Amino acid sequence: RAVDRNGGGVVHAELAGDIEIIESTVRDCSAVYDGGVVYARDSGAVSIINSTVARCSAGEYGGVVYADLSGAVSLIGSTVTECSAGDLQRATAASPVRYGGQYGGVVYMRE
């Protein structure tokens, strides 16, 4: 369980390279503002591979990943459950990703 007051409950990266979480279990992580698991700004790609992410949240944007001016975001072979952002609406299969202006229960990206 990790809580970050600013962004990225597990990883906070600015002006960094690629970020990879591989074959891991991440749960009950949160950030007061952005990126319940990963906060990436002006960084490389973010990949979560063959992992389980559960019950992670962000107070504002990106319940799992907040990517601002960063590379591609990939969730490959991973399970994401009960993650939320902003108004705490749960992500659904129909709308887990938002581009600009919304919360992004799983991923929030801004170019």
C-alpha atoms as a PDB file:
ATOM      1  CA  ARG A   1       0.000   0.000   0.000  1.00  0.00           C
ATOM      2  CA  ALA A   2       1.462   3.309  -1.072  1.00  0.00           C
ATOM      3  CA  VAL A   3       0.075   6.820  -0.825  1.00  0.00           C
ATOM      4  CA  ASP A   4       1.717   9.777  -2.508  1.00  0.00           C
ATOM      5  CA  ARG A   5       0.629  13.290  -1.653  1.00  0.00           C
ATOM      6  CA  ASN A   6       1.387  14.692  -5.109  1.00  0.00           C
ATOM      7  CA  GLY A   7       1.316  12.129  -7.893  1.00  0.00           C
ATOM      8  CA  GLY A   8       2.181   8.511  -8.529  1.00  0.00           C
ATOM      9  CA  GLY A   9       1.345   6.146  -5.695  1.00  0.00           C
ATOM     10  CA  VAL A  10       4.199   3.869  -6.840  1.00  0.00           C
ATOM     11  CA  VAL A  11       6.181   5.773  -9.512  1.00  0.00           C
ATOM     12  CA  HIS A  12       6.603   9.533  -9.918  1.00  0.00           C
ATOM     13  CA  ALA A  13       8.617  10.293 -13.072  1.00  0.00           C
ATOM     14  CA  GLU A  14       9.412  13.665 -14.622  1.00  0.00           C
ATOM     15  CA  LEU A  15      11.837  14.057 -17.530  1.00  0.00           C
ATOM     16  CA  ALA A  16      12.513  10.324 -17.269  1.00  0.00           C
ATOM     17  CA  GLY A  17      12.799   7.362 -19.603  1.00  0.00           C
ATOM     18  CA  ASP A  18      10.403   4.459 -20.031  1.00  0.00           C
ATOM     19  CA  ILE A  19       8.515   3.087 -17.022  1.00  0.00           C
ATOM     20  CA  GLU A  20       7.740  -0.628 -16.769  1.00  0.00           C
ATOM     21  CA  ILE A  21       5.852  -2.609 -14.159  1.00  0.00           C
ATOM     22  CA  ILE A  22       6.256  -6.300 -15.008  1.00  0.00           C
ATOM     23  CA  GLU A  23       4.754  -9.407 -13.363  1.00  0.00           C
ATOM     24  CA  SER A  24       3.716  -7.498 -10.269  1.00  0.00           C
ATOM     25  CA  THR A  25       0.735  -7.109  -7.991  1.00  0.00           C
ATOM     26  CA  VAL A  26      -0.083  -3.513  -7.143  1.00  0.00           C
ATOM     27  CA  ARG A  27      -3.022  -2.825  -4.851  1.00  0.00           C
ATOM     28  CA  ASP A  28      -4.488  -0.188  -2.583  1.00  0.00           C
ATOM     29  CA  CYS A  29      -2.241   2.566  -3.943  1.00  0.00           C
ATOM     30  CA  SER A  30      -3.359   6.149  -4.203  1.00  0.00           C
ATOM     31  CA  ALA A  31      -2.284   9.668  -5.009  1.00  0.00           C
ATOM     32  CA  VAL A  32      -3.913  12.780  -3.649  1.00  0.00           C
ATOM     33  CA  TYR A  33      -3.813  14.368  -7.104  1.00  0.00           C
ATOM     34  CA  ASP A  34      -2.783  12.393 -10.224  1.00  0.00           C
ATOM     35  CA  GLY A  35      -1.743   8.834 -11.072  1.00  0.00           C
ATOM     36  CA  GLY A  36      -2.767   6.318  -8.441  1.00  0.00           C
ATOM     37  CA  VAL A  37       0.084   4.026  -9.553  1.00  0.00           C
ATOM     38  CA  VAL A  38       2.164   5.962 -12.116  1.00  0.00           C
ATOM     39  CA  TYR A  39       2.593   9.691 -12.655  1.00  0.00           C
ATOM     40  CA  ALA A  40       4.608  10.398 -15.823  1.00  0.00           C
ATOM     41  CA  ARG A  41       5.339  13.886 -17.113  1.00  0.00           C
ATOM     42  CA  ASP A  42       7.626  14.570 -20.066  1.00  0.00           C
ATOM     43  CA  SER A  43       8.731  10.951 -19.861  1.00  0.00           C
ATOM     44  CA  GLY A  44       8.899   7.846 -22.032  1.00  0.00           C
ATOM     45  CA  ALA A  45       6.377   5.057 -22.524  1.00  0.00           C
ATOM     46  CA  VAL A  46       4.490   3.542 -19.591  1.00  0.00           C
ATOM     47  CA  SER A  47       3.929  -0.234 -19.688  1.00  0.00           C
ATOM     48  CA  ILE A  48       2.144  -2.460 -17.208  1.00  0.00           C
ATOM     49  CA  ILE A  49       2.767  -6.049 -18.315  1.00  0.00           C
ATOM     50  CA  ASN A  50       1.375  -9.330 -16.931  1.00  0.00           C
ATOM     51  CA  SER A  51       0.411  -7.609 -13.701  1.00  0.00           C
ATOM     52  CA  THR A  52      -2.587  -7.203 -11.422  1.00  0.00           C
ATOM     53  CA  VAL A  53      -3.684  -3.731 -10.344  1.00  0.00           C
ATOM     54  CA  ALA A  54      -6.533  -3.435  -7.850  1.00  0.00           C
ATOM     55  CA  ARG A  55      -8.222  -0.756  -5.757  1.00  0.00           C
ATOM     56  CA  CYS A  56      -5.944   2.093  -6.825  1.00  0.00           C
ATOM     57  CA  SER A  57      -7.137   5.667  -7.034  1.00  0.00           C
ATOM     58  CA  ALA A  58      -6.239   9.263  -7.712  1.00  0.00           C
ATOM     59  CA  GLY A  59      -7.975  12.302  -6.301  1.00  0.00           C
ATOM     60  CA  GLU A  60      -8.045  13.996  -9.680  1.00  0.00           C
ATOM     61  CA  TYR A  61      -6.788  12.250 -12.859  1.00  0.00           C
ATOM     62  CA  GLY A  62      -5.684   8.733 -13.806  1.00  0.00           C
ATOM     63  CA  GLY A  63      -6.690   6.117 -11.265  1.00  0.00           C
ATOM     64  CA  VAL A  64      -3.803   3.931 -12.480  1.00  0.00           C
ATOM     65  CA  VAL A  65      -1.735   6.038 -14.935  1.00  0.00           C
ATOM     66  CA  TYR A  66      -1.458   9.776 -15.464  1.00  0.00           C
ATOM     67  CA  ALA A  67       0.633  10.508 -18.562  1.00  0.00           C
ATOM     68  CA  ASP A  68       1.248  14.141 -19.496  1.00  0.00           C
ATOM     69  CA  LEU A  69       3.377  14.835 -22.566  1.00  0.00           C
ATOM     70  CA  SER A  70       4.767  11.305 -22.312  1.00  0.00           C
ATOM     71  CA  GLY A  71       5.039   8.232 -24.537  1.00  0.00           C
ATOM     72  CA  ALA A  72       2.465   5.549 -25.217  1.00  0.00           C
ATOM     73  CA  VAL A  73       0.633   3.837 -22.365  1.00  0.00           C
ATOM     74  CA  SER A  74       0.252   0.051 -22.650  1.00  0.00           C
ATOM     75  CA  LEU A  75      -1.521  -2.440 -20.419  1.00  0.00           C
ATOM     76  CA  ILE A  76      -0.569  -5.869 -21.740  1.00  0.00           C
ATOM     77  CA  GLY A  77      -1.861  -9.116 -20.250  1.00  0.00           C
ATOM     78  CA  SER A  78      -2.810  -7.262 -17.081  1.00  0.00           C
ATOM     79  CA  THR A  79      -5.929  -7.208 -14.938  1.00  0.00           C
ATOM     80  CA  VAL A  80      -7.205  -3.893 -13.580  1.00  0.00           C
ATOM     81  CA  THR A  81     -10.109  -3.858 -11.121  1.00  0.00           C
ATOM     82  CA  GLU A  82     -11.848  -1.307  -8.897  1.00  0.00           C
ATOM     83  CA  CYS A  83      -9.654   1.657  -9.851  1.00  0.00           C
ATOM     84  CA  SER A  84     -10.998   5.192  -9.896  1.00  0.00           C
ATOM     85  CA  ALA A  85     -10.169   8.861 -10.276  1.00  0.00           C
ATOM     86  CA  GLY A  86     -11.741  12.216  -9.556  1.00  0.00           C
ATOM     87  CA  ASP A  87     -15.354  11.807  -8.635  1.00  0.00           C
ATOM     88  CA  LEU A  88     -14.705   8.152  -7.748  1.00  0.00           C
ATOM     89  CA  GLN A  89     -16.785   6.763 -10.584  1.00  0.00           C
ATOM     90  CA  ARG A  90     -15.522   3.290 -11.319  1.00  0.00           C
ATOM     91  CA  ALA A  91     -13.959   2.636 -14.693  1.00  0.00           C
ATOM     92  CA  THR A  92     -16.019   0.515 -17.046  1.00  0.00           C
ATOM     93  CA  ALA A  93     -15.081  -1.483 -20.098  1.00  0.00           C
ATOM     94  CA  ALA A  94     -16.861   1.145 -22.195  1.00  0.00           C
ATOM     95  CA  SER A  95     -14.914   4.132 -20.842  1.00  0.00           C
ATOM     96  CA  PRO A  96     -11.693   3.242 -19.001  1.00  0.00           C
ATOM     97  CA  VAL A  97      -9.624   5.855 -20.862  1.00  0.00           C
ATOM     98  CA  ARG A  98     -10.232   9.574 -21.256  1.00  0.00           C
ATOM     99  CA  TYR A  99      -8.302  12.044 -23.359  1.00  0.00           C
ATOM    100  CA  GLY A 100      -8.252  15.558 -21.924  1.00  0.00           C
ATOM    101  CA  GLY A 101     -10.876  17.199 -19.774  1.00  0.00           C
ATOM    102  CA  GLN A 102     -12.109  14.109 -17.912  1.00  0.00           C
ATOM    103  CA  TYR A 103     -10.898  11.964 -15.047  1.00  0.00           C
ATOM    104  CA  GLY A 104      -9.791   8.634 -16.533  1.00  0.00           C
ATOM    105  CA  GLY A 105     -10.643   5.878 -14.072  1.00  0.00           C
ATOM    106  CA  VAL A 106      -7.711   3.810 -15.365  1.00  0.00           C
ATOM    107  CA  VAL A 107      -5.651   6.024 -17.722  1.00  0.00           C
ATOM    108  CA  TYR A 108      -5.548   9.772 -18.241  1.00  0.00           C
ATOM    109  CA  MET A 109      -3.431  11.000 -21.159  1.00  0.00           C
ATOM    110  CA  ARG A 110      -2.704  14.520 -22.260  1.00  0.00           C
ATOM    111  CA  GLU A 111      -0.666  15.412 -25.308  1.00  0.00           C
END
